[in-house]
Amino acid sequence: MHNGNGTQAIFERDPNVLFISSHQLPAFPGSGRATEIGAGPGVGATLNCPLPAETGDDVVVAFYEQVASRVLERFAPELILVSAGFDLMAGDPLAQLTVTPDGVRRIVAALVAAADRTAGGRIAFFLEGGYDLDNLRSGVHAPCEASTAPSAPPPIAAWNPTALGPAEAHLARWRPAFTL
């Protein structure tokens, strides 16, 4: 639920590193606006998905299935590293996002499928946070299950920004920045 501001600051000028962050905004640290798309030669290699409080599976999963997957496919990374925080899940005491365990599984599935298509299946997950032990337990299982269960990568969903409701304005900003 927090913007990866440190990682963004390290790589925002590097066109060889794609940085994608979905997070609640407004919230600490206050960074990660959709207009933050990199700097200098790295413009276009940063994608922020700021989410209002109470955002759940429908918008967050759609972002990873429809937007992040396409951006990853265009970028064609050699490796995908995921800072996996589970404070985006409903009931976290410090956040107000409402993603369910099924939503987390679908996000992970989209990322694993993107790694299969673009990075030879190379993906690693790093535990970042979450302040509810039940959410951590169920959240941490998703990457483990997705990385050990053989499955066909889900197809990239058709581009449909109107299906995302309140995220439509953000998608309008991302689309030209990443030529989707």
N, C-alpha and C. Protein backbone atom coordinates (compact mmCIF):
# COMPACT_ATOMS: atom_id res chain seq x y z
N MET A 1 0.81 -1.20 0.00
CA MET A 1 0.00 0.00 0.00
C MET A 1 0.84 1.25 0.00
N HIS A 2 2.15 1.10 0.25
CA HIS A 2 3.06 2.26 0.21
C HIS A 2 3.78 2.31 -1.13
N ASN A 3 3.97 3.51 -1.65
CA ASN A 3 4.76 3.68 -2.86
C ASN A 3 6.19 3.24 -2.59
N GLY A 4 6.80 2.60 -3.55
CA GLY A 4 8.20 2.19 -3.42
C GLY A 4 9.12 3.36 -3.71
N ASN A 5 9.03 4.39 -2.89
CA ASN A 5 9.73 5.65 -3.16
C ASN A 5 11.24 5.50 -3.20
N GLY A 6 11.80 4.65 -2.38
CA GLY A 6 13.25 4.46 -2.41
C GLY A 6 13.71 3.81 -3.71
N THR A 7 13.02 2.77 -4.11
CA THR A 7 13.35 2.10 -5.37
C THR A 7 13.12 3.05 -6.53
N GLN A 8 12.03 3.77 -6.50
CA GLN A 8 11.75 4.73 -7.56
C GLN A 8 12.87 5.77 -7.66
N ALA A 9 13.32 6.30 -6.54
CA ALA A 9 14.37 7.32 -6.54
C ALA A 9 15.68 6.77 -7.09
N ILE A 10 15.99 5.52 -6.77
CA ILE A 10 17.23 4.91 -7.24
C ILE A 10 17.23 4.75 -8.77
N PHE A 11 16.09 4.35 -9.33
CA PHE A 11 16.05 3.98 -10.75
C PHE A 11 15.33 4.96 -11.67
N GLU A 12 14.79 6.07 -11.16
CA GLU A 12 13.96 6.92 -12.00
C GLU A 12 14.68 7.52 -13.21
N ARG A 13 16.00 7.58 -13.19
CA ARG A 13 16.76 8.12 -14.32
C ARG A 13 17.34 7.03 -15.22
N ASP A 14 17.06 5.78 -14.91
CA ASP A 14 17.64 4.66 -15.65
C ASP A 14 16.62 4.07 -16.63
N PRO A 15 16.84 4.23 -17.94
CA PRO A 15 15.88 3.69 -18.91
C PRO A 15 15.93 2.17 -19.02
N ASN A 16 16.90 1.54 -18.37
CA ASN A 16 17.05 0.09 -18.45
C ASN A 16 16.35 -0.66 -17.32
N VAL A 17 15.73 0.09 -16.39
CA VAL A 17 15.02 -0.53 -15.27
C VAL A 17 13.60 0.02 -15.27
N LEU A 18 12.64 -0.89 -15.41
CA LEU A 18 11.23 -0.51 -15.33
C LEU A 18 10.79 -0.63 -13.88
N PHE A 19 10.18 0.43 -13.36
CA PHE A 19 9.67 0.43 -12.00
C PHE A 19 8.16 0.61 -12.05
N ILE A 20 7.42 -0.32 -11.44
CA ILE A 20 5.97 -0.25 -11.38
C ILE A 20 5.56 -0.31 -9.91
N SER A 21 4.70 0.60 -9.50
CA SER A 21 4.23 0.61 -8.11
C SER A 21 2.73 0.86 -8.08
N SER A 22 2.01 0.01 -7.35
CA SER A 22 0.60 0.27 -7.05
C SER A 22 0.53 0.51 -5.55
N HIS A 23 -0.21 1.54 -5.15
CA HIS A 23 -0.19 1.95 -3.76
C HIS A 23 -1.35 2.89 -3.46
N GLN A 24 -1.67 3.01 -2.19
CA GLN A 24 -2.71 3.92 -1.75
C GLN A 24 -2.16 5.34 -1.75
N LEU A 25 -2.96 6.27 -2.23
CA LEU A 25 -2.58 7.68 -2.19
C LEU A 25 -3.86 8.49 -1.99
N PRO A 26 -3.94 9.36 -1.03
CA PRO A 26 -2.85 9.80 -0.17
C PRO A 26 -2.55 8.79 0.94
N ALA A 27 -1.29 8.65 1.19
CA ALA A 27 -0.76 7.83 2.28
C ALA A 27 0.75 8.06 2.33
N PHE A 28 1.36 7.64 3.41
CA PHE A 28 2.81 7.75 3.53
C PHE A 28 3.46 6.92 2.43
N PRO A 29 4.46 7.37 1.76
CA PRO A 29 5.27 8.57 1.97
C PRO A 29 4.81 9.79 1.17
N GLY A 30 3.67 9.70 0.50
CA GLY A 30 3.13 10.84 -0.24
C GLY A 30 3.62 10.92 -1.67
N SER A 31 4.44 9.99 -2.09
CA SER A 31 4.94 9.97 -3.46
C SER A 31 4.18 8.94 -4.28
N GLY A 32 4.49 8.88 -5.57
CA GLY A 32 3.90 7.87 -6.43
C GLY A 32 2.68 8.36 -7.19
N ARG A 33 2.66 9.62 -7.53
CA ARG A 33 1.55 10.13 -8.35
C ARG A 33 1.68 9.57 -9.76
N ALA A 34 0.57 9.48 -10.47
CA ALA A 34 0.57 8.94 -11.83
C ALA A 34 1.45 9.76 -12.76
N THR A 35 1.65 11.02 -12.44
CA THR A 35 2.48 11.88 -13.27
C THR A 35 3.97 11.65 -13.06
N GLU A 36 4.34 10.90 -12.04
CA GLU A 36 5.75 10.57 -11.81
C GLU A 36 6.09 9.38 -12.71
N ILE A 37 6.70 9.67 -13.86
CA ILE A 37 6.96 8.63 -14.86
C ILE A 37 8.46 8.46 -15.15
N GLY A 38 9.30 8.94 -14.26
CA GLY A 38 10.74 8.85 -14.44
C GLY A 38 11.31 10.23 -14.67
N ALA A 39 12.63 10.30 -14.84
CA ALA A 39 13.31 11.58 -15.03
C ALA A 39 14.43 11.41 -16.05
N GLY A 40 14.72 12.48 -16.74
CA GLY A 40 15.82 12.47 -17.71
C GLY A 40 15.69 11.31 -18.68
N PRO A 41 16.77 10.54 -18.85
CA PRO A 41 16.71 9.43 -19.80
C PRO A 41 15.77 8.31 -19.36
N GLY A 42 15.32 8.33 -18.10
CA GLY A 42 14.42 7.30 -17.59
C GLY A 42 12.95 7.64 -17.72
N VAL A 43 12.61 8.75 -18.38
CA VAL A 43 11.20 9.09 -18.56
C VAL A 43 10.51 7.96 -19.32
N GLY A 44 9.41 7.48 -18.76
CA GLY A 44 8.65 6.40 -19.35
C GLY A 44 8.97 5.04 -18.77
N ALA A 45 9.96 4.97 -17.89
CA ALA A 45 10.32 3.69 -17.27
C ALA A 45 9.84 3.60 -15.82
N THR A 46 8.99 4.52 -15.41
CA THR A 46 8.35 4.48 -14.09
C THR A 46 6.85 4.53 -14.30
N LEU A 47 6.14 3.60 -13.69
CA LEU A 47 4.68 3.55 -13.79
C LEU A 47 4.11 3.46 -12.39
N ASN A 48 3.43 4.52 -11.97
CA ASN A 48 2.79 4.55 -10.66
C ASN A 48 1.29 4.41 -10.81
N CYS A 49 0.72 3.60 -9.95
CA CYS A 49 -0.73 3.38 -9.92
C CYS A 49 -1.24 3.80 -8.55
N PRO A 50 -1.51 5.12 -8.37
CA PRO A 50 -2.05 5.56 -7.08
C PRO A 50 -3.52 5.18 -6.96
N LEU A 51 -3.88 4.64 -5.83
CA LEU A 51 -5.23 4.12 -5.61
C LEU A 51 -5.88 4.83 -4.44
N PRO A 52 -7.14 5.21 -4.58
CA PRO A 52 -7.83 5.80 -3.43
C PRO A 52 -8.17 4.73 -2.40
N ALA A 53 -8.37 5.17 -1.17
CA ALA A 53 -8.81 4.25 -0.10
C ALA A 53 -10.06 3.51 -0.57
N GLU A 54 -10.22 2.30 -0.07
CA GLU A 54 -11.36 1.43 -0.37
C GLU A 54 -11.27 0.78 -1.75
N THR A 55 -10.17 0.94 -2.45
CA THR A 55 -10.00 0.27 -3.74
C THR A 55 -9.77 -1.21 -3.50
N GLY A 56 -10.43 -2.04 -4.27
CA GLY A 56 -10.34 -3.49 -4.09
C GLY A 56 -9.89 -4.23 -5.33
N ASP A 57 -10.25 -5.50 -5.35
CA ASP A 57 -9.80 -6.41 -6.40
C ASP A 57 -10.07 -5.91 -7.80
N ASP A 58 -11.27 -5.40 -8.06
CA ASP A 58 -11.64 -5.06 -9.43
C ASP A 58 -10.63 -4.13 -10.08
N VAL A 59 -10.23 -3.07 -9.42
CA VAL A 59 -9.32 -2.10 -10.00
C VAL A 59 -7.87 -2.58 -9.93
N VAL A 60 -7.44 -3.09 -8.79
CA VAL A 60 -6.03 -3.48 -8.64
C VAL A 60 -5.69 -4.65 -9.55
N VAL A 61 -6.54 -5.66 -9.59
CA VAL A 61 -6.28 -6.80 -10.46
C VAL A 61 -6.30 -6.36 -11.92
N ALA A 62 -7.25 -5.52 -12.29
CA ALA A 62 -7.32 -5.03 -13.67
C ALA A 62 -6.05 -4.27 -14.03
N PHE A 63 -5.50 -3.50 -13.10
CA PHE A 63 -4.25 -2.79 -13.37
C PHE A 63 -3.15 -3.78 -13.74
N TYR A 64 -2.99 -4.85 -12.97
CA TYR A 64 -1.92 -5.81 -13.26
C TYR A 64 -2.21 -6.65 -14.50
N GLU A 65 -3.46 -7.01 -14.71
CA GLU A 65 -3.79 -7.83 -15.88
C GLU A 65 -3.81 -7.02 -17.18
N GLN A 66 -4.26 -5.77 -17.10
CA GLN A 66 -4.44 -5.00 -18.33
C GLN A 66 -3.33 -4.00 -18.60
N VAL A 67 -2.79 -3.38 -17.57
CA VAL A 67 -1.80 -2.32 -17.78
C VAL A 67 -0.39 -2.84 -17.53
N ALA A 68 -0.10 -3.30 -16.32
CA ALA A 68 1.27 -3.73 -15.99
C ALA A 68 1.73 -4.85 -16.91
N SER A 69 0.86 -5.79 -17.23
CA SER A 69 1.24 -6.89 -18.12
C SER A 69 1.66 -6.38 -19.49
N ARG A 70 0.91 -5.42 -20.01
CA ARG A 70 1.26 -4.86 -21.33
C ARG A 70 2.57 -4.08 -21.27
N VAL A 71 2.75 -3.30 -20.22
CA VAL A 71 3.99 -2.53 -20.08
C VAL A 71 5.17 -3.48 -19.94
N LEU A 72 5.02 -4.53 -19.14
CA LEU A 72 6.10 -5.51 -19.00
C LEU A 72 6.41 -6.19 -20.34
N GLU A 73 5.38 -6.51 -21.08
CA GLU A 73 5.60 -7.16 -22.37
C GLU A 73 6.38 -6.25 -23.31
N ARG A 74 6.04 -4.98 -23.33
CA ARG A 74 6.76 -4.02 -24.19
C ARG A 74 8.20 -3.82 -23.71
N PHE A 75 8.39 -3.80 -22.40
CA PHE A 75 9.72 -3.56 -21.84
C PHE A 75 10.62 -4.79 -21.99
N ALA A 76 10.03 -5.98 -21.94
CA ALA A 76 10.75 -7.26 -22.07
C ALA A 76 11.91 -7.38 -21.09
N PRO A 77 11.61 -7.41 -19.79
CA PRO A 77 12.69 -7.49 -18.79
C PRO A 77 13.37 -8.86 -18.81
N GLU A 78 14.60 -8.89 -18.32
CA GLU A 78 15.33 -10.15 -18.17
C GLU A 78 14.95 -10.84 -16.86
N LEU A 79 14.44 -10.07 -15.91
CA LEU A 79 14.10 -10.55 -14.57
C LEU A 79 13.05 -9.61 -13.99
N ILE A 80 12.09 -10.17 -13.27
CA ILE A 80 11.10 -9.36 -12.57
C ILE A 80 11.30 -9.56 -11.07
N LEU A 81 11.50 -8.46 -10.36
CA LEU A 81 11.62 -8.47 -8.91
C LEU A 81 10.38 -7.81 -8.34
N VAL A 82 9.74 -8.47 -7.39
CA VAL A 82 8.49 -7.96 -6.82
C VAL A 82 8.68 -7.67 -5.34
N SER A 83 8.49 -6.41 -4.97
CA SER A 83 8.44 -6.02 -3.56
C SER A 83 7.02 -6.30 -3.10
N ALA A 84 6.82 -7.43 -2.47
CA ALA A 84 5.48 -7.92 -2.16
C ALA A 84 5.06 -7.52 -0.75
N GLY A 85 4.27 -6.47 -0.68
CA GLY A 85 3.70 -6.05 0.59
C GLY A 85 2.25 -6.47 0.64
N PHE A 86 1.82 -6.96 1.76
CA PHE A 86 0.45 -7.45 1.88
C PHE A 86 -0.43 -6.53 2.71
N ASP A 87 0.01 -5.28 2.85
CA ASP A 87 -0.81 -4.30 3.54
C ASP A 87 -1.89 -3.73 2.62
N LEU A 88 -1.96 -4.19 1.38
CA LEU A 88 -3.05 -3.80 0.48
C LEU A 88 -4.31 -4.60 0.76
N MET A 89 -4.22 -5.61 1.61
CA MET A 89 -5.36 -6.49 1.86
C MET A 89 -6.34 -5.90 2.86
N ALA A 90 -7.60 -6.20 2.64
CA ALA A 90 -8.68 -5.72 3.52
C ALA A 90 -8.38 -6.09 4.97
N GLY A 91 -8.57 -5.15 5.86
CA GLY A 91 -8.37 -5.40 7.28
C GLY A 91 -7.03 -4.99 7.82
N ASP A 92 -6.11 -4.56 6.94
CA ASP A 92 -4.81 -4.12 7.44
C ASP A 92 -5.03 -2.87 8.31
N PRO A 93 -4.42 -2.82 9.49
CA PRO A 93 -4.70 -1.70 10.40
C PRO A 93 -4.11 -0.35 9.96
N LEU A 94 -3.15 -0.36 9.02
CA LEU A 94 -2.54 0.91 8.60
C LEU A 94 -2.98 1.36 7.21
N ALA A 95 -3.78 0.56 6.53
CA ALA A 95 -4.18 0.89 5.16
C ALA A 95 -5.69 0.78 5.01
N GLN A 96 -6.17 1.34 3.94
CA GLN A 96 -7.61 1.27 3.68
C GLN A 96 -7.93 0.66 2.32
N LEU A 97 -7.01 -0.10 1.75
CA LEU A 97 -7.31 -0.82 0.52
C LEU A 97 -8.05 -2.09 0.90
N THR A 98 -8.77 -2.70 -0.06
CA THR A 98 -9.63 -3.82 0.29
C THR A 98 -9.42 -5.02 -0.64
N VAL A 99 -8.17 -5.30 -0.98
CA VAL A 99 -7.87 -6.44 -1.84
C VAL A 99 -8.03 -7.72 -1.02
N THR A 100 -8.61 -8.74 -1.63
CA THR A 100 -8.86 -10.02 -0.97
C THR A 100 -7.72 -11.00 -1.26
N PRO A 101 -7.66 -12.13 -0.55
CA PRO A 101 -6.66 -13.15 -0.88
C PRO A 101 -6.77 -13.60 -2.34
N ASP A 102 -7.99 -13.72 -2.86
CA ASP A 102 -8.15 -14.09 -4.27
C ASP A 102 -7.57 -13.01 -5.18
N GLY A 103 -7.75 -11.76 -4.84
CA GLY A 103 -7.17 -10.67 -5.61
C GLY A 103 -5.66 -10.75 -5.63
N VAL A 104 -5.06 -11.04 -4.47
CA VAL A 104 -3.60 -11.20 -4.40
C VAL A 104 -3.16 -12.34 -5.31
N ARG A 105 -3.88 -13.47 -5.28
CA ARG A 105 -3.53 -14.60 -6.15
C ARG A 105 -3.60 -14.21 -7.62
N ARG A 106 -4.60 -13.44 -7.98
CA ARG A 106 -4.74 -13.01 -9.38
C ARG A 106 -3.64 -12.03 -9.78
N ILE A 107 -3.25 -11.14 -8.88
CA ILE A 107 -2.14 -10.23 -9.16
C ILE A 107 -0.86 -11.03 -9.37
N VAL A 108 -0.60 -11.97 -8.47
CA VAL A 108 0.60 -12.81 -8.58
C VAL A 108 0.56 -13.60 -9.88
N ALA A 109 -0.59 -14.16 -10.22
CA ALA A 109 -0.72 -14.94 -11.47
C ALA A 109 -0.39 -14.07 -12.68
N ALA A 110 -0.86 -12.82 -12.67
CA ALA A 110 -0.57 -11.91 -13.78
C ALA A 110 0.93 -11.63 -13.88
N LEU A 111 1.59 -11.45 -12.73
CA LEU A 111 3.02 -11.19 -12.74
C LEU A 111 3.83 -12.43 -13.16
N VAL A 112 3.43 -13.59 -12.67
CA VAL A 112 4.12 -14.82 -13.06
C VAL A 112 3.94 -15.07 -14.56
N ALA A 113 2.74 -14.84 -15.06
CA ALA A 113 2.49 -15.00 -16.50
C ALA A 113 3.34 -14.03 -17.31
N ALA A 114 3.45 -12.79 -16.83
CA ALA A 114 4.29 -11.81 -17.52
C ALA A 114 5.75 -12.25 -17.51
N ALA A 115 6.20 -12.80 -16.39
CA ALA A 115 7.59 -13.30 -16.32
C ALA A 115 7.78 -14.46 -17.28
N ASP A 116 6.79 -15.34 -17.39
CA ASP A 116 6.89 -16.45 -18.33
C ASP A 116 6.99 -15.95 -19.77
N ARG A 117 6.22 -14.91 -20.10
CA ARG A 117 6.21 -14.39 -21.47
C ARG A 117 7.43 -13.54 -21.79
N THR A 118 7.97 -12.85 -20.80
CA THR A 118 8.98 -11.83 -21.11
C THR A 118 10.35 -12.08 -20.52
N ALA A 119 10.44 -12.84 -19.45
CA ALA A 119 11.70 -12.96 -18.71
C ALA A 119 12.12 -14.41 -18.53
N GLY A 120 11.65 -15.28 -19.40
CA GLY A 120 12.01 -16.69 -19.26
C GLY A 120 11.56 -17.29 -17.94
N GLY A 121 10.50 -16.73 -17.36
CA GLY A 121 9.98 -17.23 -16.08
C GLY A 121 10.74 -16.75 -14.87
N ARG A 122 11.73 -15.88 -15.07
CA ARG A 122 12.54 -15.40 -13.94
C ARG A 122 11.80 -14.31 -13.17
N ILE A 123 11.39 -14.66 -11.94
CA ILE A 123 10.68 -13.72 -11.07
C ILE A 123 11.04 -14.06 -9.62
N ALA A 124 11.21 -13.05 -8.81
CA ALA A 124 11.50 -13.26 -7.38
C ALA A 124 10.63 -12.30 -6.57
N PHE A 125 10.13 -12.80 -5.45
CA PHE A 125 9.27 -12.01 -4.57
C PHE A 125 10.02 -11.74 -3.27
N PHE A 126 9.96 -10.49 -2.81
CA PHE A 126 10.58 -10.08 -1.56
C PHE A 126 9.50 -9.56 -0.62
N LEU A 127 9.42 -10.13 0.56
CA LEU A 127 8.42 -9.70 1.53
C LEU A 127 8.72 -8.28 1.98
N GLU A 128 7.74 -7.40 1.82
CA GLU A 128 7.92 -5.99 2.15
C GLU A 128 7.13 -5.55 3.36
N GLY A 129 5.95 -6.05 3.55
CA GLY A 129 5.19 -5.54 4.68
C GLY A 129 3.78 -6.08 4.73
N GLY A 130 3.08 -5.55 5.67
CA GLY A 130 1.74 -5.98 6.00
C GLY A 130 1.69 -6.05 7.51
N TYR A 131 0.60 -5.59 8.07
CA TYR A 131 0.54 -5.44 9.52
C TYR A 131 -0.57 -6.25 10.15
N ASP A 132 -1.10 -7.19 9.38
CA ASP A 132 -2.13 -8.10 9.88
C ASP A 132 -1.61 -9.52 9.63
N LEU A 133 -1.44 -10.30 10.70
CA LEU A 133 -0.81 -11.62 10.56
C LEU A 133 -1.62 -12.58 9.68
N ASP A 134 -2.94 -12.53 9.74
CA ASP A 134 -3.75 -13.39 8.87
C ASP A 134 -3.55 -13.02 7.41
N ASN A 135 -3.49 -11.72 7.11
CA ASN A 135 -3.24 -11.29 5.74
C ASN A 135 -1.85 -11.72 5.28
N LEU A 136 -0.87 -11.59 6.14
CA LEU A 136 0.48 -12.03 5.77
C LEU A 136 0.49 -13.51 5.45
N ARG A 137 -0.17 -14.29 6.28
CA ARG A 137 -0.20 -15.74 6.07
C ARG A 137 -0.81 -16.08 4.71
N SER A 138 -1.99 -15.52 4.43
CA SER A 138 -2.64 -15.85 3.16
C SER A 138 -1.94 -15.18 1.98
N GLY A 139 -1.41 -13.98 2.18
CA GLY A 139 -0.72 -13.29 1.09
C GLY A 139 0.56 -13.97 0.66
N VAL A 140 1.35 -14.41 1.62
CA VAL A 140 2.63 -15.05 1.31
C VAL A 140 2.43 -16.37 0.58
N HIS A 141 1.31 -17.01 0.79
CA HIS A 141 1.05 -18.27 0.09
C HIS A 141 0.89 -18.08 -1.42
N ALA A 142 0.36 -16.93 -1.83
CA ALA A 142 0.07 -16.71 -3.25
C ALA A 142 1.30 -16.83 -4.14
N PRO A 143 2.42 -16.14 -3.84
CA PRO A 143 3.59 -16.31 -4.69
C PRO A 143 4.14 -17.74 -4.64
N CYS A 144 4.07 -18.37 -3.48
CA CYS A 144 4.56 -19.75 -3.36
C CYS A 144 3.74 -20.68 -4.25
N GLU A 145 2.43 -20.56 -4.18
CA GLU A 145 1.55 -21.40 -5.00
C GLU A 145 1.75 -21.12 -6.48
N ALA A 146 1.82 -19.86 -6.85
CA ALA A 146 1.93 -19.49 -8.26
C ALA A 146 3.26 -19.93 -8.86
N SER A 147 4.30 -19.93 -8.06
CA SER A 147 5.61 -20.30 -8.61
C SER A 147 5.84 -21.80 -8.64
N THR A 148 5.01 -22.57 -7.96
CA THR A 148 5.20 -24.02 -7.97
C THR A 148 4.13 -24.77 -8.74
N ALA A 149 3.00 -24.13 -9.01
CA ALA A 149 1.91 -24.80 -9.72
C ALA A 149 2.01 -24.51 -11.20
N PRO A 150 2.22 -25.56 -12.02
CA PRO A 150 2.28 -25.31 -13.47
C PRO A 150 0.90 -24.91 -13.98
N SER A 151 0.88 -23.86 -14.77
CA SER A 151 -0.38 -23.43 -15.36
C SER A 151 -0.07 -22.61 -16.60
N ALA A 152 -1.01 -22.58 -17.50
CA ALA A 152 -0.86 -21.77 -18.69
C ALA A 152 -1.01 -20.31 -18.30
N PRO A 153 -0.17 -19.43 -18.85
CA PRO A 153 -0.32 -18.01 -18.52
C PRO A 153 -1.67 -17.50 -18.98
N PRO A 154 -2.35 -16.73 -18.11
CA PRO A 154 -3.63 -16.18 -18.56
C PRO A 154 -3.39 -15.19 -19.69
N PRO A 155 -4.31 -15.12 -20.64
CA PRO A 155 -4.13 -14.16 -21.72
C PRO A 155 -4.25 -12.74 -21.20
N ILE A 156 -3.61 -11.82 -21.88
CA ILE A 156 -3.74 -10.42 -21.50
C ILE A 156 -5.16 -9.98 -21.85
N ALA A 157 -5.83 -9.40 -20.89
CA ALA A 157 -7.20 -8.96 -21.11
C ALA A 157 -7.23 -7.84 -22.14
N ALA A 158 -8.30 -7.74 -22.85
CA ALA A 158 -8.46 -6.67 -23.82
C ALA A 158 -8.43 -5.33 -23.10
N TRP A 159 -7.84 -4.33 -23.74
CA TRP A 159 -7.77 -3.00 -23.15
C TRP A 159 -9.16 -2.44 -23.02
N ASN A 160 -9.59 -2.16 -21.80
CA ASN A 160 -10.93 -1.65 -21.56
C ASN A 160 -10.91 -0.70 -20.37
N PRO A 161 -10.43 0.53 -20.57
CA PRO A 161 -10.32 1.45 -19.43
C PRO A 161 -11.66 1.79 -18.79
N THR A 162 -12.75 1.75 -19.52
CA THR A 162 -14.03 2.13 -18.92
C THR A 162 -14.51 1.10 -17.91
N ALA A 163 -13.99 -0.12 -17.98
CA ALA A 163 -14.40 -1.15 -17.03
C ALA A 163 -13.79 -0.92 -15.65
N LEU A 164 -12.87 0.01 -15.54
CA LEU A 164 -12.16 0.20 -14.28
C LEU A 164 -12.74 1.29 -13.40
N GLY A 165 -13.83 1.86 -13.82
CA GLY A 165 -14.50 2.85 -12.98
C GLY A 165 -13.60 3.99 -12.58
N PRO A 166 -13.36 4.19 -11.27
CA PRO A 166 -12.62 5.36 -10.80
C PRO A 166 -11.17 5.42 -11.28
N ALA A 167 -10.63 4.34 -11.78
CA ALA A 167 -9.24 4.35 -12.26
C ALA A 167 -9.12 4.90 -13.67
N GLU A 168 -10.24 5.18 -14.32
CA GLU A 168 -10.22 5.60 -15.72
C GLU A 168 -9.34 6.84 -15.93
N ALA A 169 -9.42 7.81 -15.04
CA ALA A 169 -8.61 9.02 -15.20
C ALA A 169 -7.13 8.70 -15.12
N HIS A 170 -6.75 7.79 -14.23
CA HIS A 170 -5.35 7.41 -14.14
C HIS A 170 -4.90 6.68 -15.40
N LEU A 171 -5.75 5.80 -15.91
CA LEU A 171 -5.39 5.07 -17.12
C LEU A 171 -5.20 6.02 -18.29
N ALA A 172 -5.98 7.06 -18.35
CA ALA A 172 -5.83 8.05 -19.42
C ALA A 172 -4.45 8.69 -19.36
N ARG A 173 -3.90 8.84 -18.16
CA ARG A 173 -2.54 9.39 -18.03
C ARG A 173 -1.48 8.36 -18.40
N TRP A 174 -1.69 7.10 -18.00
CA TRP A 174 -0.67 6.07 -18.26
C TRP A 174 -0.59 5.73 -19.73
N ARG A 175 -1.73 5.69 -20.40
CA ARG A 175 -1.76 5.22 -21.78
C ARG A 175 -0.78 5.98 -22.68
N PRO A 176 -0.80 7.32 -22.73
CA PRO A 176 0.17 7.98 -23.61
C PRO A 176 1.61 7.86 -23.11
N ALA A 177 1.79 7.80 -21.81
CA ALA A 177 3.15 7.72 -21.27
C ALA A 177 3.82 6.41 -21.67
N PHE A 178 3.05 5.36 -21.83
CA PHE A 178 3.63 4.06 -22.14
C PHE A 178 3.18 3.55 -23.50
N THR A 179 2.58 4.40 -24.31
CA THR A 179 2.11 4.07 -25.65
C THR A 179 1.40 2.74 -25.71
N LEU A 180 0.41 2.57 -24.85
CA LEU A 180 -0.39 1.35 -24.85
C LEU A 180 -1.47 1.45 -25.90
